[in-house]
């Protein structure tokens, strides 16, 4: 899928809520608008949508955005064991290179909002963080968090810091630029073309202390199965469809996109990749609801109003396009068919 709209574990939200609490922000303020109950944070098997975590991130940035280095501080808390089976797969990988390759291949099992990719560099391997789909108001916090978390993972793999050839960020030097050396064991540069880190060649093929081929293979099988399950429940079109099915649902694309946590243009792109569009989903949901409402003997005007049409004539026109007949004729045909079936029984 290649998108952070795959469902994810709740562990990251737990870490963020704890961080905010240490800075004086109560849990209810961190969770406001996320549709996450505080008691769910204690359930290690709970899953949420990425958009729900993004709401928590927005709350944290709103309350703590002026705290120097809060994104870096957050990232340091993401120890390898916080990622569950994905983390154990990395621990059992043969080398740092194979761990990086595996980590990126199964990135949708993490809490990252940046998209990671690896590419060759003259002095090693460059891991690039792409933030193009992250809302602007959260971008710097999440890039700092995801980059610091990646470095924390490397430290956990080797049980000591891994020197970096270079650490780059696209944004200009922030007020807390002097804090970055605390989190990144290498020279840090700002105003660069891309976010990323370069790992030196001599570290890439060193055996990891806890490498175990059999365990790595078992972990990958479990990661693949978990990712398949989450992706099946996480298609963007299904998220849109569920929102459209709510009572009195708003059918503006901008509103639905904001709820999911992406820009309308990004939502359009994801739906196109899944072979559909927002307009087609609206039509599908309206058609299904119209059938149900007509079966419950609602008037044409009532159905039109419930489905968000300004005029009943617009609904009638749309229904003819879907079914080839007017709503009244459709209902009469359905009713007649049911009566005949009952008579036969």
Foldseek 3Di string as FASTA:
>chain_A
DQALQFKEWCLLVLLLQVLVVVVPDHNCQLQPPLPDDPVCNPPRPDIDTLLSVVSSLVSCCVVCVVPPPSLLVSQLPQALPSLPLLSVLLLQAFAQQVSVVSCLVLVSSDSARWRWDWDDDPFAIKIFTHNVWAPPSRRVSRLSNVVLNVQNSVCNQQVHGQAWAEFEELAQQDPNNVCVVVRHRYDYYYNDPTGITGHGHVRGNDTTPNHDVVSSVVSVVVSVVVSVVRVVVRQLLVQLLVQLLDFPHDLDLQVSCVSSRGGSVVSQVSQVVVVHGSVRSLLVSLQVVLVVVVLVVDDLQVSCVRSPHPDSVVVQVSNCVVPVHGSVVVSVVVVVVVVVVVVVD
